[in-house]
């Protein structure tokens, strides 16, 4: 789902585990043994869980804590993203970048997010960015409370001011991240930042430049490969491109193809019955659809539902009288994967030839665009 107005100001850390870095060697990423040890204050005994990706899935290693101490050793082929947490817990995760050699973690059972990670040059580089991110976002610490107060009194001017101030901070953070990426193109962190902080609609050209700038070794890494896949996919769904065709079944099981709507302006709307922001946006789409349906405009709803009954009920409840399709695969929906959908609601506006002319238009913006196209 879409990001809320106020987000956490701290940067979620990620882990990189490998052997000694080859400074100046842009064609190789080191591999080997990483030794992680530390203390968890307030935890005399128990287990930690270390997670890291393996292909498109993840692997979890269970590590025993005795007298507050633990140690863990891993053999890695390349730097890898890891997260650690108390086994069975949710929400209090710590991630970090691990250099080869010795990594020391000092944590607290009741406040794992305050854990301190000491490692090599990659971790130091990452912490440099983390500290800058925190400094940039520090003014936002009181935004949530101020926004809630303004919302309670319906002070729209104050709400708009807070939102504008917040957006300025986000822009500053992204500008810093962008500069950091180009400065550190031989680090896997560059690909990681591209995926996490600069991956958004309208930034396809920037992500392509980031990927093209990465060294060959980073391009071959896990994060580099993922960024490359994203760049390849988004290139196919960039504004001006003919929208990739797909076919899925409607509620009755009848196959419906996107290309069958050529000759009309089409809003391809990715949504789901369980997505609150989607349901909140539906009345706007209904209003716009009713206003322009007789002028050559239609909507094709693509649901990321997995429960057919819930999907059909939402269509009826929200009075969505246009065409709908779904393969009921949840986030693995084939059309959603084809369009690289990372969050919903998400939409693509197509012209009569099936070319993408706009993305993620909402409410008044969608209406204004259609008014321009079909006065």
Protein backbone atom coordinates (compact mmCIF):
# COMPACT_ATOMS: atom_id res chain seq x y z
CA UNK A 1 0.00 0.00 0.00
CA UNK A 2 1.04 3.57 -0.45
CA UNK A 3 3.32 5.24 2.05
CA UNK A 4 1.64 7.26 4.81
CA UNK A 5 2.26 10.98 5.29
CA UNK A 6 4.67 10.58 8.20
CA UNK A 7 7.28 7.82 8.08
CA UNK A 8 9.90 6.74 10.56
CA UNK A 9 12.87 9.06 10.51
CA UNK A 10 15.43 6.36 11.17
CA UNK A 11 16.95 4.49 8.27
CA UNK A 12 16.39 0.74 8.15
CA UNK A 13 19.83 -0.82 7.95
CA UNK A 14 20.77 -3.69 5.65
CA UNK A 15 23.48 -6.34 5.89
CA UNK A 16 26.34 -7.07 3.63
CA UNK A 17 28.50 -10.09 4.45
CA UNK A 18 31.69 -10.97 2.60
CA UNK A 19 35.44 -11.38 2.88
CA UNK A 20 38.02 -8.62 2.79
CA UNK A 21 37.04 -5.90 0.31
CA UNK A 22 39.33 -5.39 -2.66
CA UNK A 23 39.72 -1.62 -2.70
CA UNK A 24 40.23 -0.31 -6.20
CA UNK A 25 39.15 -3.58 -7.83
CA UNK A 26 35.94 -2.77 -9.68
CA UNK A 27 35.54 -6.16 -11.33
CA UNK A 28 35.37 -8.45 -8.31
CA UNK A 29 33.36 -8.71 -5.10
CA UNK A 30 35.03 -10.66 -2.31
CA UNK A 31 33.59 -13.78 -0.73
CA UNK A 32 34.40 -15.95 2.23
CA UNK A 33 33.76 -16.05 5.98
CA UNK A 34 31.98 -13.52 8.11
CA UNK A 35 32.13 -13.86 11.91
CA UNK A 36 29.36 -12.12 13.83
CA UNK A 37 29.36 -12.02 17.64
CA UNK A 38 27.96 -9.86 20.37
CA UNK A 39 25.92 -9.29 23.50
CA UNK A 40 22.18 -8.89 23.95
CA UNK A 41 21.64 -7.12 27.25
CA UNK A 42 18.59 -8.33 29.15
CA UNK A 43 18.60 -11.69 27.36
CA UNK A 44 20.32 -14.35 29.44
CA UNK A 45 19.27 -17.16 27.14
CA UNK A 46 17.22 -17.68 24.00
CA UNK A 47 17.65 -17.57 20.27
CA UNK A 48 18.28 -14.99 17.58
CA UNK A 49 17.22 -15.37 13.98
CA UNK A 50 19.43 -14.18 11.12
CA UNK A 51 17.70 -13.83 7.74
CA UNK A 52 19.23 -13.27 4.35
CA UNK A 53 18.04 -13.68 0.76
CA UNK A 54 18.77 -16.73 -1.33
CA UNK A 55 17.55 -16.04 -4.83
CA UNK A 56 13.94 -14.87 -4.58
CA UNK A 57 13.41 -16.57 -1.21
CA UNK A 58 15.09 -16.17 2.16
CA UNK A 59 17.11 -18.33 4.54
CA UNK A 60 16.87 -18.12 8.31
CA UNK A 61 19.68 -19.22 10.64
CA UNK A 62 18.90 -19.76 14.32
CA UNK A 63 21.65 -18.67 16.73
CA UNK A 64 21.70 -19.54 20.43
CA UNK A 65 22.22 -16.85 23.09
CA UNK A 66 23.88 -17.95 26.34
CA UNK A 67 24.59 -15.57 29.22
CA UNK A 68 23.71 -12.76 26.86
CA UNK A 69 26.38 -13.70 24.33
CA UNK A 70 26.16 -15.16 20.84
CA UNK A 71 28.34 -15.89 17.83
CA UNK A 72 27.59 -16.83 14.27
CA UNK A 73 29.76 -17.74 11.29
CA UNK A 74 28.73 -17.88 7.65
CA UNK A 75 30.35 -18.71 4.33
CA UNK A 76 29.14 -16.40 1.58
CA UNK A 77 29.70 -16.22 -2.15
CA UNK A 78 29.04 -12.49 -2.27
CA UNK A 79 27.76 -9.64 -0.08
CA UNK A 80 24.28 -10.46 1.20
CA UNK A 81 21.49 -8.53 2.89
CA UNK A 82 20.76 -9.78 6.43
CA UNK A 83 18.36 -8.99 9.23
CA UNK A 84 18.55 -10.24 12.81
CA UNK A 85 15.88 -10.34 15.50
CA UNK A 86 14.84 -12.34 18.53
CA UNK A 87 13.42 -15.63 17.29
CA UNK A 88 9.65 -15.41 16.98
CA UNK A 89 9.48 -11.63 17.35
CA UNK A 90 8.05 -9.24 14.78
CA UNK A 91 8.65 -5.56 14.23
CA UNK A 92 11.91 -5.19 16.20
CA UNK A 93 14.38 -6.11 13.51
CA UNK A 94 17.91 -4.87 13.02
CA UNK A 95 19.69 -4.93 9.71
CA UNK A 96 23.18 -3.83 8.86
CA UNK A 97 26.01 -4.07 6.37
CA UNK A 98 28.62 -6.62 7.37
CA UNK A 99 32.15 -6.50 6.11
CA UNK A 100 34.33 -9.62 6.13
CA UNK A 101 36.18 -10.39 9.29
CA UNK A 102 34.85 -9.48 12.69
CA UNK A 103 31.47 -7.85 13.30
CA UNK A 104 30.38 -6.95 16.82
CA UNK A 105 26.77 -6.32 17.82
CA UNK A 106 25.67 -4.79 21.12
CA UNK A 107 21.92 -4.98 21.61
CA UNK A 108 19.18 -4.64 24.19
CA UNK A 109 16.40 -7.19 24.47
CA UNK A 110 13.67 -4.60 25.12
CA UNK A 111 14.87 -2.14 22.46
CA UNK A 112 16.53 -4.09 19.69
CA UNK A 113 16.30 -1.15 17.29
CA UNK A 114 18.97 0.65 19.35
CA UNK A 115 21.51 -2.08 18.68
CA UNK A 116 25.01 -0.92 17.78
CA UNK A 117 26.83 -2.66 14.95
CA UNK A 118 30.58 -2.28 14.58
CA UNK A 119 32.20 -3.60 11.44
CA UNK A 120 34.46 -2.68 8.59
CA UNK A 121 34.52 0.02 5.90
CA UNK A 122 31.19 -0.90 4.31
CA UNK A 123 29.35 -0.54 7.61
CA UNK A 124 31.13 2.73 8.29
CA UNK A 125 30.11 4.01 4.87
CA UNK A 126 26.54 2.95 5.47
CA UNK A 127 26.43 4.57 8.91
CA UNK A 128 27.71 7.78 7.37
CA UNK A 129 24.62 7.83 5.16
CA UNK A 130 22.38 6.73 8.03
CA UNK A 131 23.51 9.62 10.22
CA UNK A 132 22.92 12.08 7.38
CA UNK A 133 19.44 10.66 6.77
CA UNK A 134 18.58 11.04 10.43
CA UNK A 135 19.83 14.62 10.48
CA UNK A 136 17.78 15.48 7.39
CA UNK A 137 14.61 13.95 8.85
CA UNK A 138 15.04 15.25 12.41
CA UNK A 139 12.63 18.19 11.91
CA UNK A 140 9.90 15.64 11.11
CA UNK A 141 9.94 14.19 14.64
CA UNK A 142 7.01 16.38 15.70
CA UNK A 143 5.15 16.37 12.39
CA UNK A 144 2.88 13.43 13.23
CA UNK A 145 1.53 15.04 16.40
CA UNK A 146 1.15 18.45 14.77
CA UNK A 147 -0.61 16.97 11.74
CA UNK A 148 -3.02 15.00 13.95
CA UNK A 149 -3.85 18.16 15.91
CA UNK A 150 -4.50 20.12 12.73
CA UNK A 151 -6.59 17.28 11.37
CA UNK A 152 -8.69 17.19 14.54
CA UNK A 153 -9.56 20.89 14.19
CA UNK A 154 -9.88 20.62 10.41
CA UNK A 155 -7.20 23.27 9.96
CA UNK A 156 -6.60 22.60 6.27
CA UNK A 157 -4.01 25.34 5.86
CA UNK A 158 -1.91 23.91 8.67
CA UNK A 159 -2.28 20.38 7.32
CA UNK A 160 -1.12 21.54 3.88
CA UNK A 161 1.84 23.39 5.42
CA UNK A 162 2.97 20.32 7.39
CA UNK A 163 2.58 18.10 4.35
CA UNK A 164 4.59 20.54 2.22
CA UNK A 165 7.35 20.74 4.86
CA UNK A 166 7.47 16.96 5.05
CA UNK A 167 7.71 16.61 1.28
CA UNK A 168 10.65 19.05 1.28
CA UNK A 169 12.48 16.83 3.78
CA UNK A 170 11.80 13.75 1.67
CA UNK A 171 13.12 15.56 -1.40
CA UNK A 172 16.28 16.50 0.53
CA UNK A 173 16.74 12.89 1.63
CA UNK A 174 16.35 11.59 -1.91
CA UNK A 175 18.72 14.22 -3.29
CA UNK A 176 21.35 13.15 -0.76
CA UNK A 177 20.76 9.48 -1.55
CA UNK A 178 21.14 10.18 -5.25
CA UNK A 179 24.46 11.95 -4.76
CA UNK A 180 25.63 9.17 -2.44
CA UNK A 181 24.81 6.52 -5.06
CA UNK A 182 26.82 8.15 -7.84
CA UNK A 183 29.73 8.79 -5.48
CA UNK A 184 29.87 5.15 -4.34
CA UNK A 185 29.17 3.29 -7.57
CA UNK A 186 31.61 0.47 -6.71
CA UNK A 187 29.68 -0.39 -3.53
CA UNK A 188 26.68 -2.69 -3.34
CA UNK A 189 25.12 0.01 -1.15
CA UNK A 190 24.69 2.10 -4.32
CA UNK A 191 22.42 -0.52 -5.87
CA UNK A 192 20.63 -1.00 -2.54
CA UNK A 193 19.89 2.72 -2.20
CA UNK A 194 18.67 2.84 -5.79
CA UNK A 195 16.16 0.10 -5.05
CA UNK A 196 15.03 1.31 -1.64
CA UNK A 197 15.11 5.11 -1.78
CA UNK A 198 14.99 6.13 -5.44
CA UNK A 199 12.58 3.54 -6.80
CA UNK A 200 9.35 5.38 -7.59
CA UNK A 201 7.11 6.20 -10.57
CA UNK A 202 8.61 8.80 -12.85
CA UNK A 203 12.20 7.98 -11.84
CA UNK A 204 12.81 5.35 -14.51
CA UNK A 205 15.47 7.44 -16.28
CA UNK A 206 17.32 8.08 -13.02
CA UNK A 207 17.33 4.39 -12.10
CA UNK A 208 18.65 3.53 -15.56
CA UNK A 209 21.50 6.04 -15.11
CA UNK A 210 22.24 4.59 -11.67
CA UNK A 211 22.39 1.06 -13.04
CA UNK A 212 24.56 2.10 -16.00
CA UNK A 213 26.98 3.81 -13.57
CA UNK A 214 27.50 0.73 -11.36
CA UNK A 215 30.72 -1.20 -11.72
CA UNK A 216 30.50 -4.62 -13.43
CA UNK A 217 30.91 -6.46 -10.12
CA UNK A 218 28.07 -4.55 -8.45
CA UNK A 219 25.81 -5.15 -11.47
CA UNK A 220 26.34 -8.90 -10.98
CA UNK A 221 25.54 -8.77 -7.26
CA UNK A 222 22.17 -9.58 -5.73
CA UNK A 223 21.14 -5.92 -5.45
CA UNK A 224 22.65 -5.05 -8.81
CA UNK A 225 20.78 -7.87 -10.51
CA UNK A 226 17.51 -6.82 -8.91
CA UNK A 227 18.05 -3.22 -9.96
CA UNK A 228 18.84 -4.37 -13.48
CA UNK A 229 15.64 -6.43 -13.62
CA UNK A 230 13.67 -3.44 -12.38
CA UNK A 231 15.22 -1.14 -14.99
CA UNK A 232 14.42 -3.62 -17.75
CA UNK A 233 10.81 -3.98 -16.62
CA UNK A 234 10.14 -0.28 -16.07
CA UNK A 235 11.55 0.52 -19.51
CA UNK A 236 8.67 -1.49 -20.95
CA UNK A 237 6.11 0.50 -18.95
CA UNK A 238 7.59 3.98 -19.34
CA UNK A 239 5.40 6.83 -20.59
CA UNK A 240 5.28 6.69 -24.37
CA UNK A 241 5.63 2.91 -24.55
CA UNK A 242 2.88 0.62 -25.79
CA UNK A 243 1.49 -1.00 -22.65
CA UNK A 244 2.47 -4.69 -22.40
CA UNK A 245 -0.51 -6.85 -23.27
CA UNK A 246 -1.91 -9.45 -20.89
CA UNK A 247 -4.94 -11.68 -20.60
CA UNK A 248 -6.72 -12.70 -17.40
CA UNK A 249 -10.17 -14.01 -16.54
CA UNK A 250 -13.05 -11.86 -15.41
CA UNK A 251 -15.43 -12.82 -12.57
CA UNK A 252 -17.25 -15.33 -14.81
CA UNK A 253 -14.04 -16.99 -15.98
CA UNK A 254 -14.04 -15.35 -19.41
CA UNK A 255 -10.57 -14.33 -20.73
CA UNK A 256 -10.16 -10.58 -21.23
CA UNK A 257 -7.15 -9.04 -22.98
CA UNK A 258 -5.92 -5.50 -22.48
CA UNK A 259 -5.43 -5.13 -26.24
CA UNK A 260 -9.16 -5.70 -26.78
CA UNK A 261 -9.78 -2.13 -25.55
CA UNK A 262 -7.83 -0.44 -28.38
CA UNK A 263 -9.73 2.55 -29.73
CA UNK A 264 -10.59 3.79 -26.23
CA UNK A 265 -8.74 5.63 -23.52
CA UNK A 266 -8.15 3.00 -20.81
CA UNK A 267 -7.24 3.32 -17.16
CA UNK A 268 -5.54 0.08 -16.07
CA UNK A 269 -6.21 0.11 -12.34
CA UNK A 270 -4.31 -2.26 -10.04
CA UNK A 271 -6.20 -2.65 -6.77
CA UNK A 272 -7.55 -5.22 -4.25
CA UNK A 273 -10.52 -5.61 -1.93
CA UNK A 274 -8.16 -5.71 1.10
CA UNK A 275 -6.38 -2.45 0.15
CA UNK A 276 -7.91 0.44 2.12
CA UNK A 277 -6.32 3.22 0.01
CA UNK A 278 -7.70 1.48 -3.09
CA UNK A 279 -11.20 1.35 -1.64
CA UNK A 280 -10.94 5.01 -0.65
CA UNK A 281 -9.96 5.95 -4.21
CA UNK A 282 -12.73 3.89 -5.84
CA UNK A 283 -15.45 6.57 -5.47
CA UNK A 284 -13.23 9.00 -7.40
CA UNK A 285 -12.75 6.51 -10.22
CA UNK A 286 -16.50 5.79 -10.27
CA UNK A 287 -17.25 9.51 -10.58
CA UNK A 288 -14.71 9.99 -13.39
CA UNK A 289 -15.82 6.82 -15.17
CA UNK A 290 -19.45 7.91 -15.18
CA UNK A 291 -18.49 11.35 -16.48
CA UNK A 292 -16.36 10.10 -19.40
CA UNK A 293 -17.59 6.58 -20.26
CA UNK A 294 -19.73 7.88 -23.14
CA UNK A 295 -16.78 9.82 -24.60
CA UNK A 296 -14.50 6.85 -25.25
CA UNK A 297 -13.06 6.18 -21.78
CA UNK A 298 -13.12 2.92 -19.83
CA UNK A 299 -11.42 1.22 -16.90
CA UNK A 300 -9.88 -2.24 -16.63
CA UNK A 301 -9.57 -3.25 -13.00
CA UNK A 302 -6.79 -5.74 -12.21
CA UNK A 303 -7.25 -7.19 -8.74
CA UNK A 304 -4.46 -8.52 -6.54
CA UNK A 305 -7.01 -10.48 -4.54
CA UNK A 306 -6.69 -14.17 -3.76
CA UNK A 307 -10.23 -14.58 -2.40
CA UNK A 308 -12.70 -14.49 -5.29
CA UNK A 309 -15.69 -13.91 -3.01
CA UNK A 310 -14.06 -10.87 -1.39
CA UNK A 311 -13.08 -9.54 -4.83
CA UNK A 312 -16.60 -9.89 -6.24
CA UNK A 313 -18.18 -8.38 -3.11
CA UNK A 314 -15.93 -5.30 -3.30
CA UNK A 315 -16.88 -4.78 -6.95
CA UNK A 316 -20.57 -4.77 -6.01
CA UNK A 317 -20.19 -2.76 -2.80
CA UNK A 318 -18.11 -0.03 -4.48
CA UNK A 319 -20.31 0.03 -7.60
CA UNK A 320 -17.43 -0.66 -9.98
CA UNK A 321 -19.34 -1.22 -13.18
CA UNK A 322 -16.39 -1.54 -15.56
CA UNK A 323 -14.42 -4.64 -16.64
CA UNK A 324 -12.47 -6.56 -14.02
CA UNK A 325 -9.88 -9.34 -14.21
CA UNK A 326 -7.71 -11.29 -11.78
CA UNK A 327 -5.74 -14.52 -11.61
CA UNK A 328 -6.24 -14.54 -7.82
CA UNK A 329 -2.51 -14.85 -7.15
CA UNK A 330 -2.25 -11.96 -4.67
CA UNK A 331 1.10 -10.11 -5.11
CA UNK A 332 2.16 -12.79 -7.60
CA UNK A 333 -0.51 -11.61 -10.04
CA UNK A 334 1.06 -12.08 -13.48
CA UNK A 335 -0.04 -8.69 -14.79
CA UNK A 336 1.20 -6.95 -11.63
CA UNK A 337 4.59 -8.62 -12.05
CA UNK A 338 4.64 -7.67 -15.74
CA UNK A 339 4.09 -4.02 -14.75
CA UNK A 340 6.44 -4.25 -11.76
CA UNK A 341 3.74 -3.19 -9.29
CA UNK A 342 5.34 -2.55 -5.89
CA UNK A 343 2.35 -0.95 -4.16
CA UNK A 344 -1.33 -0.35 -4.78
CA UNK A 345 -3.35 1.50 -5.85
CA UNK A 346 -1.37 1.89 -9.05
CA UNK A 347 -2.68 2.87 -12.45
CA UNK A 348 -1.67 3.47 -16.07
CA UNK A 349 -3.64 5.67 -18.45
CA UNK A 350 -3.47 4.49 -22.07
CA UNK A 351 -4.37 6.34 -25.25
CA UNK A 352 -6.44 4.84 -28.08
CA UNK A 353 -3.35 3.13 -29.54
CA UNK A 354 -2.51 1.52 -26.22
CA UNK A 355 0.41 3.80 -25.37
CA UNK A 356 1.03 4.82 -21.77
CA UNK A 357 0.39 8.56 -21.42
CA UNK A 358 0.23 8.94 -17.63
CA UNK A 359 0.71 7.00 -14.40
CA UNK A 360 -0.95 7.01 -10.99
CA UNK A 361 -3.39 9.85 -11.66
CA UNK A 362 -5.83 10.25 -8.78
CA UNK A 363 -9.11 12.10 -8.30
CA UNK A 364 -9.01 15.60 -9.75
CA UNK A 365 -5.75 14.92 -11.63
CA UNK A 366 -7.33 12.03 -13.53
CA UNK A 367 -10.41 14.11 -14.30
CA UNK A 368 -8.31 17.03 -15.52
CA UNK A 369 -6.26 14.79 -17.80
CA UNK A 370 -9.36 13.24 -19.33
CA UNK A 371 -10.92 16.67 -19.76
CA UNK A 372 -7.81 17.66 -21.70
CA UNK A 373 -8.06 14.55 -23.88
CA UNK A 374 -11.84 14.52 -24.29
CA UNK A 375 -13.17 18.08 -23.80
